[in-house]
Amino acid sequence: MTQIRTSTRPGSTPLGVAAGFLGAFVVASLAVQLIREAQPAAGTASAGPAPVLAHQAALWETLGKP
């Protein structure tokens, strides 16, 4: 009788392969989001600072001082 030897790696199970593909998909989608968000931010830097809107209490603060 002849013995058949098979070797399996710990990560070569179907569940491990599926987890690997899922992890790669998550990392790739996060990288795409970072790239898309980084490009418009460089173009809006020359637009100047955003206006600051004062809170209603700050508008009336000067009237309360003697």
Protein backbone atom coordinates (compact mmCIF):
# COMPACT_ATOMS: atom_id res chain seq x y z
CA MET A 1 0.00 0.00 0.00
CA THR A 2 1.37 3.41 -1.00
CA GLN A 3 0.82 6.45 1.17
CA ILE A 4 -0.11 9.74 -0.49
CA ARG A 5 1.41 12.74 1.19
CA THR A 6 -0.30 16.08 0.87
CA SER A 7 0.85 19.30 2.38
CA THR A 8 -1.38 22.23 3.14
CA ARG A 9 -0.40 25.67 4.22
CA PRO A 10 -2.27 27.24 7.13
CA GLY A 11 -3.67 30.06 4.98
CA SER A 12 -4.72 27.97 2.00
CA THR A 13 -8.12 26.97 3.33
CA PRO A 14 -11.14 28.34 1.45
CA LEU A 15 -11.98 30.50 4.45
CA GLY A 16 -8.44 31.90 4.50
CA VAL A 17 -8.52 32.66 0.79
CA ALA A 18 -11.90 34.39 1.14
CA ALA A 19 -10.63 36.43 4.09
CA GLY A 20 -7.57 37.43 2.07
CA PHE A 21 -9.67 38.64 -0.85
CA LEU A 22 -12.00 40.50 1.50
CA GLY A 23 -9.07 42.18 3.24
CA ALA A 24 -7.51 43.18 -0.06
CA PHE A 25 -10.83 44.62 -1.22
CA VAL A 26 -11.20 46.71 1.94
CA VAL A 27 -7.65 48.05 1.69
CA ALA A 28 -8.05 48.86 -2.00
CA SER A 29 -11.35 50.66 -1.47
CA LEU A 30 -9.86 52.74 1.35
CA ALA A 31 -6.92 53.65 -0.88
CA VAL A 32 -9.27 54.77 -3.65
CA GLN A 33 -11.21 56.95 -1.20
CA LEU A 34 -8.00 58.54 0.09
CA ILE A 35 -6.83 59.31 -3.45
CA ARG A 36 -10.20 60.80 -4.44
CA GLU A 37 -10.32 62.98 -1.32
CA ALA A 38 -6.71 64.16 -1.66
CA GLN A 39 -7.02 65.54 -5.20
CA PRO A 40 -9.82 68.12 -4.62
CA ALA A 41 -8.24 69.29 -1.36
CA ALA A 42 -5.13 70.48 -3.22
CA GLY A 43 -7.23 72.61 -5.58
CA THR A 44 -9.27 74.32 -2.85
CA ALA A 45 -6.26 75.51 -0.85
CA SER A 46 -6.06 78.77 -2.87
CA ALA A 47 -9.73 79.61 -2.21
CA GLY A 48 -8.84 81.19 1.15
CA PRO A 49 -10.11 80.49 4.62
CA ALA A 50 -13.74 79.70 5.27
CA PRO A 51 -15.78 82.49 6.87
CA VAL A 52 -16.31 82.27 10.62
CA LEU A 53 -19.87 82.70 11.83
CA ALA A 54 -20.14 84.10 15.33
CA HIS A 55 -22.43 82.50 17.85
CA GLN A 56 -25.51 84.49 18.83
CA ALA A 57 -24.23 84.94 22.39
CA ALA A 58 -20.99 86.45 21.10
CA LEU A 59 -22.92 89.05 19.10
CA TRP A 60 -24.70 90.34 22.22
CA GLU A 61 -21.63 90.16 24.49
CA THR A 62 -20.49 93.73 23.76
CA LEU A 63 -23.90 95.15 24.64
CA GLY A 64 -23.73 93.61 28.12
CA LYS A 65 -20.45 95.34 29.04
CA PRO A 66 -20.73 98.68 30.92
